[in-house]
Amino acid sequence: MYPRIRNLREDKDLTQREMGEILSCSQRVYSNYERGDLDIPTEILIKLAKFHNTTTDYILGLTNKK
């Protein structure tokens, strides 16, 4: 499960659909990332980190430092 991407998305008041558009994927695929039903591909993980101005380690829960 990737609760941090949900929290980061909600901090920017974005919907899953909007995040899907930003990442060039469907709302359903993005929802699956948030729930942990799908592993986040490396390229998407990097896009998420850049978009949210954080690190991939933070998103993956390896550090608490944004």
Protein backbone atom coordinates (compact mmCIF):
# COMPACT_ATOMS: atom_id res chain seq x y z
CA MET A 1 0.00 0.00 0.00
CA TYR A 2 1.19 3.51 -0.82
CA PRO A 3 -0.69 5.80 1.59
CA ARG A 4 1.77 8.61 1.02
CA ILE A 5 0.76 9.15 -2.59
CA ARG A 6 -2.84 9.50 -1.45
CA ASN A 7 -1.85 12.01 1.23
CA LEU A 8 0.31 13.98 -1.22
CA ARG A 9 -2.54 14.02 -3.76
CA GLU A 10 -5.09 15.13 -1.18
CA ASP A 11 -2.74 17.86 0.08
CA LYS A 12 -3.00 19.38 -3.41
CA ASP A 13 -6.78 18.86 -3.54
CA LEU A 14 -6.50 16.64 -6.63
CA THR A 15 -8.74 13.75 -7.57
CA GLN A 16 -7.49 10.36 -8.62
CA ARG A 17 -8.70 11.16 -12.12
CA GLU A 18 -6.64 14.36 -12.22
CA MET A 19 -3.55 12.47 -11.02
CA GLY A 20 -4.16 9.85 -13.67
CA GLU A 21 -4.22 12.56 -16.32
CA ILE A 22 -0.99 14.07 -14.97
CA LEU A 23 0.67 10.63 -15.05
CA SER A 24 -0.91 9.59 -18.38
CA CYS A 25 -2.82 6.68 -16.86
CA SER A 26 -6.44 6.01 -16.02
CA GLN A 27 -8.12 6.81 -12.72
CA ARG A 28 -8.47 3.08 -12.13
CA VAL A 29 -4.76 2.41 -12.59
CA TYR A 30 -3.87 5.31 -10.30
CA SER A 31 -6.35 4.04 -7.70
CA ASN A 32 -4.66 0.64 -7.88
CA TYR A 33 -1.31 2.34 -7.15
CA GLU A 34 -2.75 4.06 -4.07
CA ARG A 35 -4.25 0.82 -2.75
CA GLY A 36 -1.09 -1.14 -3.48
CA ASP A 37 -2.90 -3.47 -5.87
CA LEU A 38 -0.30 -2.56 -8.51
CA ASP A 39 3.36 -1.82 -7.97
CA ILE A 40 4.25 1.65 -9.16
CA PRO A 41 6.52 1.46 -12.22
CA THR A 42 9.83 3.27 -11.83
CA GLU A 43 9.00 5.93 -14.42
CA ILE A 44 5.70 6.73 -12.68
CA LEU A 45 7.40 6.77 -9.28
CA ILE A 46 9.90 9.34 -10.57
CA LYS A 47 7.08 11.45 -12.07
CA LEU A 48 5.23 11.36 -8.75
CA ALA A 49 8.32 12.42 -6.81
CA LYS A 50 9.03 15.31 -9.17
CA PHE A 51 5.40 16.43 -9.24
CA HIS A 52 5.13 16.44 -5.45
CA ASN A 53 8.64 17.84 -4.97
CA THR A 54 9.73 14.93 -2.79
CA THR A 55 11.89 11.83 -3.05
CA THR A 56 11.09 8.35 -4.24
CA ASP A 57 12.34 7.09 -0.88
CA TYR A 58 9.67 9.17 0.88
CA ILE A 59 6.93 7.83 -1.38
CA LEU A 60 8.08 4.27 -0.79
CA GLY A 61 8.18 4.79 2.98
CA LEU A 62 11.95 4.34 3.29
CA THR A 63 12.35 7.72 4.95
CA ASN A 64 10.11 10.21 6.72
CA LYS A 65 12.05 13.16 5.32
CA LYS A 66 10.17 14.76 2.44
